[in-house]
């Protein structure tokens, strides 16, 4: 299953469910397995320590930090025209 979002979004209820997420950032489109995305943000950003993730089980951000953006480059599926 592929879920298209308008920003980087991770959710605890999607972990282990073989879901891919698709979202734009920096004028490109990324498609990545959700669990891989959680792995990337867990080592590249502080997102898993954010209140929303810890209490509500979800987190989204429109402008990921530079480290996350670099690690997502291998998952780009569409470039600008």
PDB file of N, CA and C in Angstrom:
ATOM      1  N   UNK A   1       0.843  -1.168   0.000  1.00  0.00           N
ATOM      2  CA  UNK A   1       0.000   0.000   0.000  1.00  0.00           C
ATOM      3  C   UNK A   1       0.899   1.246   0.000  1.00  0.00           C
ATOM      4  N   UNK A   2       0.519   2.237  -0.784  1.00  0.00           N
ATOM      5  CA  UNK A   2       1.222   3.518  -0.822  1.00  0.00           C
ATOM      6  C   UNK A   2       0.272   4.606  -0.335  1.00  0.00           C
ATOM      7  N   UNK A   3       0.716   5.381   0.637  1.00  0.00           N
ATOM      8  CA  UNK A   3      -0.065   6.513   1.132  1.00  0.00           C
ATOM      9  C   UNK A   3       0.616   7.792   0.673  1.00  0.00           C
ATOM     10  N   UNK A   4      -0.129   8.649   0.010  1.00  0.00           N
ATOM     11  CA  UNK A   4       0.407   9.929  -0.426  1.00  0.00           C
ATOM     12  C   UNK A   4       0.025  10.999   0.580  1.00  0.00           C
ATOM     13  N   UNK A   5       1.020  11.727   1.020  1.00  0.00           N
ATOM     14  CA  UNK A   5       0.828  12.804   1.993  1.00  0.00           C
ATOM     15  C   UNK A   5       1.364  14.100   1.395  1.00  0.00           C
ATOM     16  N   UNK A   6       1.026  15.223   1.996  1.00  0.00           N
ATOM     17  CA  UNK A   6       1.539  16.501   1.496  1.00  0.00           C
ATOM     18  C   UNK A   6       2.805  16.918   2.225  1.00  0.00           C
ATOM     19  N   UNK A   7       3.286  16.064   3.142  1.00  0.00           N
ATOM     20  CA  UNK A   7       4.527  16.347   3.880  1.00  0.00           C
ATOM     21  C   UNK A   7       5.029  15.056   4.515  1.00  0.00           C
ATOM     22  N   UNK A   8       6.262  15.054   4.981  1.00  0.00           N
ATOM     23  CA  UNK A   8       6.822  13.896   5.662  1.00  0.00           C
ATOM     24  C   UNK A   8       5.952  13.600   6.879  1.00  0.00           C
ATOM     25  N   UNK A   9       5.419  12.377   6.937  1.00  0.00           N
ATOM     26  CA  UNK A   9       4.531  11.984   8.023  1.00  0.00           C
ATOM     27  C   UNK A   9       4.878  10.574   8.467  1.00  0.00           C
ATOM     28  N   UNK A  10       5.048  10.405   9.776  1.00  0.00           N
ATOM     29  CA  UNK A  10       5.258   9.075  10.337  1.00  0.00           C
ATOM     30  C   UNK A  10       4.189   8.818  11.387  1.00  0.00           C
ATOM     31  N   UNK A  11       3.787   7.543  11.517  1.00  0.00           N
ATOM     32  CA  UNK A  11       2.731   7.171  12.463  1.00  0.00           C
ATOM     33  C   UNK A  11       3.066   5.832  13.092  1.00  0.00           C
ATOM     34  N   UNK A  12       2.943   5.749  14.390  1.00  0.00           N
ATOM     35  CA  UNK A  12       3.218   4.494  15.087  1.00  0.00           C
ATOM     36  C   UNK A  12       2.300   3.377  14.607  1.00  0.00           C
ATOM     37  N   UNK A  13       1.065   3.704  14.255  1.00  0.00           N
ATOM     38  CA  UNK A  13       0.122   2.657  13.844  1.00  0.00           C
ATOM     39  C   UNK A  13       0.425   2.082  12.459  1.00  0.00           C
ATOM     40  N   UNK A  14       1.394   2.626  11.736  1.00  0.00           N
ATOM     41  CA  UNK A  14       1.768   2.088  10.428  1.00  0.00           C
ATOM     42  C   UNK A  14       3.054   1.257  10.486  1.00  0.00           C
ATOM     43  N   UNK A  15       3.710   1.259  11.634  1.00  0.00           N
ATOM     44  CA  UNK A  15       4.946   0.484  11.779  1.00  0.00           C
ATOM     45  C   UNK A  15       4.632  -1.002  11.651  1.00  0.00           C
ATOM     46  N   UNK A  16       5.419  -1.678  10.827  1.00  0.00           N
ATOM     47  CA  UNK A  16       5.257  -3.116  10.627  1.00  0.00           C
ATOM     48  C   UNK A  16       4.126  -3.510   9.711  1.00  0.00           C
ATOM     49  N   UNK A  17       3.534  -2.553   9.004  1.00  0.00           N
ATOM     50  CA  UNK A  17       2.371  -2.852   8.160  1.00  0.00           C
ATOM     51  C   UNK A  17       2.686  -2.811   6.665  1.00  0.00           C
ATOM     52  N   UNK A  18       3.975  -2.780   6.292  1.00  0.00           N
ATOM     53  CA  UNK A  18       4.399  -2.804   4.894  1.00  0.00           C
ATOM     54  C   UNK A  18       3.785  -1.658   4.081  1.00  0.00           C
ATOM     55  N   UNK A  19       3.762  -0.476   4.661  1.00  0.00           N
ATOM     56  CA  UNK A  19       3.218   0.716   4.023  1.00  0.00           C
ATOM     57  C   UNK A  19       4.358   1.541   3.451  1.00  0.00           C
ATOM     58  N   UNK A  20       4.149   2.070   2.256  1.00  0.00           N
ATOM     59  CA  UNK A  20       5.065   3.054   1.692  1.00  0.00           C
ATOM     60  C   UNK A  20       4.390   4.413   1.787  1.00  0.00           C
ATOM     61  N   UNK A  21       5.198   5.444   1.983  1.00  0.00           N
ATOM     62  CA  UNK A  21       4.658   6.800   1.997  1.00  0.00           C
ATOM     63  C   UNK A  21       5.299   7.588   0.863  1.00  0.00           C
ATOM     64  N   UNK A  22       4.502   8.454   0.292  1.00  0.00           N
ATOM     65  CA  UNK A  22       4.945   9.321  -0.806  1.00  0.00           C
ATOM     66  C   UNK A  22       4.641  10.748  -0.389  1.00  0.00           C
ATOM     67  N   UNK A  23       5.637  11.624  -0.529  1.00  0.00           N
ATOM     68  CA  UNK A  23       5.441  13.019  -0.141  1.00  0.00           C
ATOM     69  C   UNK A  23       6.461  13.897  -0.857  1.00  0.00           C
ATOM     70  N   UNK A  24       6.121  15.174  -1.033  1.00  0.00           N
ATOM     71  CA  UNK A  24       7.060  16.111  -1.669  1.00  0.00           C
ATOM     72  C   UNK A  24       7.971  16.773  -0.638  1.00  0.00           C
ATOM     73  N   UNK A  25       9.153  17.142  -1.085  1.00  0.00           N
ATOM     74  CA  UNK A  25      10.020  18.053  -0.339  1.00  0.00           C
ATOM     75  C   UNK A  25      11.053  18.584  -1.312  1.00  0.00           C
ATOM     76  N   UNK A  26      11.459  19.821  -1.123  1.00  0.00           N
ATOM     77  CA  UNK A  26      12.463  20.463  -1.978  1.00  0.00           C
ATOM     78  C   UNK A  26      12.162  20.285  -3.465  1.00  0.00           C
ATOM     79  N   UNK A  27      10.917  20.413  -3.871  1.00  0.00           N
ATOM     80  CA  UNK A  27      10.508  20.322  -5.273  1.00  0.00           C
ATOM     81  C   UNK A  27      10.718  18.952  -5.911  1.00  0.00           C
ATOM     82  N   UNK A  28      10.810  17.911  -5.120  1.00  0.00           N
ATOM     83  CA  UNK A  28      10.873  16.543  -5.631  1.00  0.00           C
ATOM     84  C   UNK A  28       9.821  15.713  -4.903  1.00  0.00           C
ATOM     85  N   UNK A  29       9.562  14.529  -5.434  1.00  0.00           N
ATOM     86  CA  UNK A  29       8.633  13.598  -4.792  1.00  0.00           C
ATOM     87  C   UNK A  29       9.439  12.393  -4.322  1.00  0.00           C
ATOM     88  N   UNK A  30       9.167  11.964  -3.089  1.00  0.00           N
ATOM     89  CA  UNK A  30       9.860  10.843  -2.467  1.00  0.00           C
ATOM     90  C   UNK A  30       8.858   9.727  -2.221  1.00  0.00           C
ATOM     91  N   UNK A  31       9.299   8.493  -2.432  1.00  0.00           N
ATOM     92  CA  UNK A  31       8.491   7.335  -2.048  1.00  0.00           C
ATOM     93  C   UNK A  31       9.410   6.388  -1.286  1.00  0.00           C
ATOM     94  N   UNK A  32       9.023   6.040  -0.073  1.00  0.00           N
ATOM     95  CA  UNK A  32       9.890   5.274   0.819  1.00  0.00           C
ATOM     96  C   UNK A  32       9.040   4.383   1.721  1.00  0.00           C
ATOM     97  N   UNK A  33       9.535   3.194   2.042  1.00  0.00           N
ATOM     98  CA  UNK A  33       8.812   2.392   3.034  1.00  0.00           C
ATOM     99  C   UNK A  33       8.725   3.157   4.362  1.00  0.00           C
ATOM    100  N   UNK A  34       7.556   3.165   4.951  1.00  0.00           N
ATOM    101  CA  UNK A  34       7.322   3.913   6.182  1.00  0.00           C
ATOM    102  C   UNK A  34       8.323   3.542   7.265  1.00  0.00           C
ATOM    103  N   UNK A  35       8.571   2.235   7.446  1.00  0.00           N
ATOM    104  CA  UNK A  35       9.480   1.820   8.511  1.00  0.00           C
ATOM    105  C   UNK A  35      10.905   2.314   8.255  1.00  0.00           C
ATOM    106  N   UNK A  36      11.315   2.376   7.008  1.00  0.00           N
ATOM    107  CA  UNK A  36      12.634   2.924   6.672  1.00  0.00           C
ATOM    108  C   UNK A  36      12.678   4.410   6.998  1.00  0.00           C
ATOM    109  N   UNK A  37      11.595   5.119   6.716  1.00  0.00           N
ATOM    110  CA  UNK A  37      11.523   6.540   7.041  1.00  0.00           C
ATOM    111  C   UNK A  37      11.648   6.757   8.550  1.00  0.00           C
ATOM    112  N   UNK A  38      10.973   5.937   9.329  1.00  0.00           N
ATOM    113  CA  UNK A  38      11.094   6.039  10.788  1.00  0.00           C
ATOM    114  C   UNK A  38      12.546   5.803  11.201  1.00  0.00           C
ATOM    115  N   UNK A  39      13.213   4.819  10.591  1.00  0.00           N
ATOM    116  CA  UNK A  39      14.628   4.569  10.895  1.00  0.00           C
ATOM    117  C   UNK A  39      15.479   5.797  10.583  1.00  0.00           C
ATOM    118  N   UNK A  40      15.235   6.412   9.424  1.00  0.00           N
ATOM    119  CA  UNK A  40      16.012   7.586   9.012  1.00  0.00           C
ATOM    120  C   UNK A  40      15.824   8.728   9.995  1.00  0.00           C
ATOM    121  N   UNK A  41      14.593   9.025  10.339  1.00  0.00           N
ATOM    122  CA  UNK A  41      14.383  10.165  11.241  1.00  0.00           C
ATOM    123  C   UNK A  41      14.834   9.855  12.671  1.00  0.00           C
ATOM    124  N   UNK A  42      14.867   8.588  13.033  1.00  0.00           N
ATOM    125  CA  UNK A  42      15.308   8.253  14.396  1.00  0.00           C
ATOM    126  C   UNK A  42      16.794   8.508  14.588  1.00  0.00           C
ATOM    127  N   UNK A  43      17.591   8.414  13.535  1.00  0.00           N
ATOM    128  CA  UNK A  43      19.034   8.651  13.654  1.00  0.00           C
ATOM    129  C   UNK A  43      19.465  10.002  13.098  1.00  0.00           C
ATOM    130  N   UNK A  44      18.594  10.674  12.369  1.00  0.00           N
ATOM    131  CA  UNK A  44      18.971  11.914  11.689  1.00  0.00           C
ATOM    132  C   UNK A  44      18.306  13.163  12.246  1.00  0.00           C
ATOM    133  N   UNK A  45      17.367  12.999  13.136  1.00  0.00           N
ATOM    134  CA  UNK A  45      16.624  14.148  13.665  1.00  0.00           C
ATOM    135  C   UNK A  45      16.079  13.792  15.040  1.00  0.00           C
ATOM    136  N   UNK A  46      15.537  14.759  15.681  1.00  0.00           N
ATOM    137  CA  UNK A  46      14.979  14.591  17.015  1.00  0.00           C
ATOM    138  C   UNK A  46      13.469  14.322  16.964  1.00  0.00           C
ATOM    139  N   UNK A  47      12.948  13.950  15.821  1.00  0.00           N
ATOM    140  CA  UNK A  47      11.500  13.857  15.633  1.00  0.00           C
ATOM    141  C   UNK A  47      10.821  12.857  16.562  1.00  0.00           C
ATOM    142  N   UNK A  48      11.511  11.782  16.943  1.00  0.00           N
ATOM    143  CA  UNK A  48      10.877  10.783  17.796  1.00  0.00           C
ATOM    144  C   UNK A  48      10.824  11.203  19.263  1.00  0.00           C
ATOM    145  N   UNK A  49      11.449  12.320  19.580  1.00  0.00           N
ATOM    146  CA  UNK A  49      11.366  12.863  20.932  1.00  0.00           C
ATOM    147  C   UNK A  49      10.348  13.990  21.039  1.00  0.00           C
ATOM    148  N   UNK A  50       9.687  14.287  19.930  1.00  0.00           N
ATOM    149  CA  UNK A  50       8.674  15.348  19.889  1.00  0.00           C
ATOM    150  C   UNK A  50       7.392  14.853  20.577  1.00  0.00           C
ATOM    151  N   UNK A  51       6.739  15.751  21.276  1.00  0.00           N
ATOM    152  CA  UNK A  51       5.502  15.452  22.005  1.00  0.00           C
ATOM    153  C   UNK A  51       4.481  14.728  21.119  1.00  0.00           C
ATOM    154  N   UNK A  52       4.284  15.222  19.918  1.00  0.00           N
ATOM    155  CA  UNK A  52       3.285  14.642  19.021  1.00  0.00           C
ATOM    156  C   UNK A  52       3.549  13.160  18.763  1.00  0.00           C
ATOM    157  N   UNK A  53       4.800  12.785  18.551  1.00  0.00           N
ATOM    158  CA  UNK A  53       5.143  11.381  18.317  1.00  0.00           C
ATOM    159  C   UNK A  53       4.966  10.565  19.598  1.00  0.00           C
ATOM    160  N   UNK A  54       5.476  11.069  20.689  1.00  0.00           N
ATOM    161  CA  UNK A  54       5.442  10.306  21.934  1.00  0.00           C
ATOM    162  C   UNK A  54       4.042  10.146  22.508  1.00  0.00           C
ATOM    163  N   UNK A  55       3.223  11.181  22.421  1.00  0.00           N
ATOM    164  CA  UNK A  55       1.890  11.134  23.030  1.00  0.00           C
ATOM    165  C   UNK A  55       0.810  10.718  22.031  1.00  0.00           C
ATOM    166  N   UNK A  56       0.850  11.305  20.837  1.00  0.00           N
ATOM    167  CA  UNK A  56      -0.195  11.034  19.844  1.00  0.00           C
ATOM    168  C   UNK A  56       0.163   9.924  18.872  1.00  0.00           C
ATOM    169  N   UNK A  57       1.434   9.539  18.817  1.00  0.00           N
ATOM    170  CA  UNK A  57       1.842   8.442  17.942  1.00  0.00           C
ATOM    171  C   UNK A  57       2.018   8.828  16.497  1.00  0.00           C
ATOM    172  N   UNK A  58       2.150  10.121  16.214  1.00  0.00           N
ATOM    173  CA  UNK A  58       2.334  10.562  14.828  1.00  0.00           C
ATOM    174  C   UNK A  58       3.110  11.870  14.824  1.00  0.00           C
ATOM    175  N   UNK A  59       3.798  12.113  13.711  1.00  0.00           N
ATOM    176  CA  UNK A  59       4.515  13.371  13.563  1.00  0.00           C
ATOM    177  C   UNK A  59       4.623  13.680  12.082  1.00  0.00           C
ATOM    178  N   UNK A  60       4.501  14.960  11.736  1.00  0.00           N
ATOM    179  CA  UNK A  60       4.694  15.377  10.352  1.00  0.00           C
ATOM    180  C   UNK A  60       5.440  16.705  10.335  1.00  0.00           C
ATOM    181  N   UNK A  61       6.164  16.898   9.256  1.00  0.00           N
ATOM    182  CA  UNK A  61       6.933  18.131   9.098  1.00  0.00           C
ATOM    183  C   UNK A  61       7.046  18.444   7.608  1.00  0.00           C
ATOM    184  N   UNK A  62       6.865  19.704   7.290  1.00  0.00           N
ATOM    185  CA  UNK A  62       6.919  20.132   5.888  1.00  0.00           C
ATOM    186  C   UNK A  62       8.325  20.367   5.377  1.00  0.00           C
ATOM    187  N   UNK A  63       9.240  20.699   6.279  1.00  0.00           N
ATOM    188  CA  UNK A  63      10.620  20.999   5.885  1.00  0.00           C
ATOM    189  C   UNK A  63      11.581  20.214   6.765  1.00  0.00           C
ATOM    190  N   UNK A  64      11.889  18.961   6.369  1.00  0.00           N
ATOM    191  CA  UNK A  64      12.810  18.164   7.173  1.00  0.00           C
ATOM    192  C   UNK A  64      14.193  18.808   7.242  1.00  0.00           C
ATOM    193  N   UNK A  65      14.940  18.484   8.278  1.00  0.00           N
ATOM    194  CA  UNK A  65      16.275  19.067   8.413  1.00  0.00           C
ATOM    195  C   UNK A  65      17.208  18.575   7.303  1.00  0.00           C
ATOM    196  N   UNK A  66      18.361  19.198   7.188  1.00  0.00           N
ATOM    197  CA  UNK A  66      19.293  18.906   6.092  1.00  0.00           C
ATOM    198  C   UNK A  66      19.763  17.456   6.096  1.00  0.00           C
ATOM    199  N   UNK A  67      19.981  16.891   7.257  1.00  0.00           N
ATOM    200  CA  UNK A  67      20.438  15.501   7.335  1.00  0.00           C
ATOM    201  C   UNK A  67      19.374  14.553   6.805  1.00  0.00           C
ATOM    202  N   UNK A  68      18.133  14.763   7.195  1.00  0.00           N
ATOM    203  CA  UNK A  68      17.033  13.926   6.692  1.00  0.00           C
ATOM    204  C   UNK A  68      16.907  14.101   5.187  1.00  0.00           C
ATOM    205  N   UNK A  69      16.946  15.330   4.694  1.00  0.00           N
ATOM    206  CA  UNK A  69      16.828  15.566   3.246  1.00  0.00           C
ATOM    207  C   UNK A  69      17.921  14.824   2.470  1.00  0.00           C
ATOM    208  N   UNK A  70      19.144  14.853   2.972  1.00  0.00           N
ATOM    209  CA  UNK A  70      20.240  14.134   2.297  1.00  0.00           C
ATOM    210  C   UNK A  70      19.969  12.637   2.259  1.00  0.00           C
ATOM    211  N   UNK A  71      19.473  12.095   3.350  1.00  0.00           N
ATOM    212  CA  UNK A  71      19.230  10.652   3.410  1.00  0.00           C
ATOM    213  C   UNK A  71      18.027  10.221   2.572  1.00  0.00           C
ATOM    214  N   UNK A  72      17.140  11.169   2.256  1.00  0.00           N
ATOM    215  CA  UNK A  72      15.973  10.844   1.430  1.00  0.00           C
ATOM    216  C   UNK A  72      16.271  10.900  -0.061  1.00  0.00           C
ATOM    217  N   UNK A  73      17.394  11.453  -0.454  1.00  0.00           N
ATOM    218  CA  UNK A  73      17.695  11.628  -1.877  1.00  0.00           C
ATOM    219  C   UNK A  73      17.657  10.323  -2.662  1.00  0.00           C
ATOM    220  N   UNK A  74      18.038   9.223  -2.052  1.00  0.00           N
ATOM    221  CA  UNK A  74      18.016   7.935  -2.768  1.00  0.00           C
ATOM    222  C   UNK A  74      16.590   7.437  -3.015  1.00  0.00           C
ATOM    223  N   UNK A  75      15.616   8.050  -2.391  1.00  0.00           N
ATOM    224  CA  UNK A  75      14.220   7.623  -2.516  1.00  0.00           C
ATOM    225  C   UNK A  75      13.408   8.552  -3.424  1.00  0.00           C
ATOM    226  N   UNK A  76      14.062   9.477  -4.108  1.00  0.00           N
ATOM    227  CA  UNK A  76      13.371  10.397  -5.013  1.00  0.00           C
ATOM    228  C   UNK A  76      12.807   9.617  -6.203  1.00  0.00           C
ATOM    229  N   UNK A  77      11.549   9.853  -6.511  1.00  0.00           N
ATOM    230  CA  UNK A  77      10.925   9.189  -7.658  1.00  0.00           C
ATOM    231  C   UNK A  77      10.555  10.178  -8.760  1.00  0.00           C
ATOM    232  N   UNK A  78      10.454  11.461  -8.448  1.00  0.00           N
ATOM    233  CA  UNK A  78      10.109  12.482  -9.439  1.00  0.00           C
ATOM    234  C   UNK A  78      10.936  13.719  -9.204  1.00  0.00           C
ATOM    235  N   UNK A  79      11.485  14.238 -10.289  1.00  0.00           N
ATOM    236  CA  UNK A  79      12.232  15.488 -10.250  1.00  0.00           C
ATOM    237  C   UNK A  79      11.395  16.574 -10.926  1.00  0.00           C
ATOM    238  N   UNK A  80      11.674  17.837 -10.634  1.00  0.00           N
ATOM    239  CA  UNK A  80      10.935  18.889 -11.318  1.00  0.00           C
ATOM    240  C   UNK A  80      11.209  18.873 -12.819  1.00  0.00           C
ATOM    241  N   UNK A  81      10.245  19.338 -13.577  1.00  0.00           N
ATOM    242  CA  UNK A  81      10.372  19.353 -15.046  1.00  0.00           C
ATOM    243  C   UNK A  81      11.383  20.381 -15.506  1.00  0.00           C
TER     244      UNK A  81
END
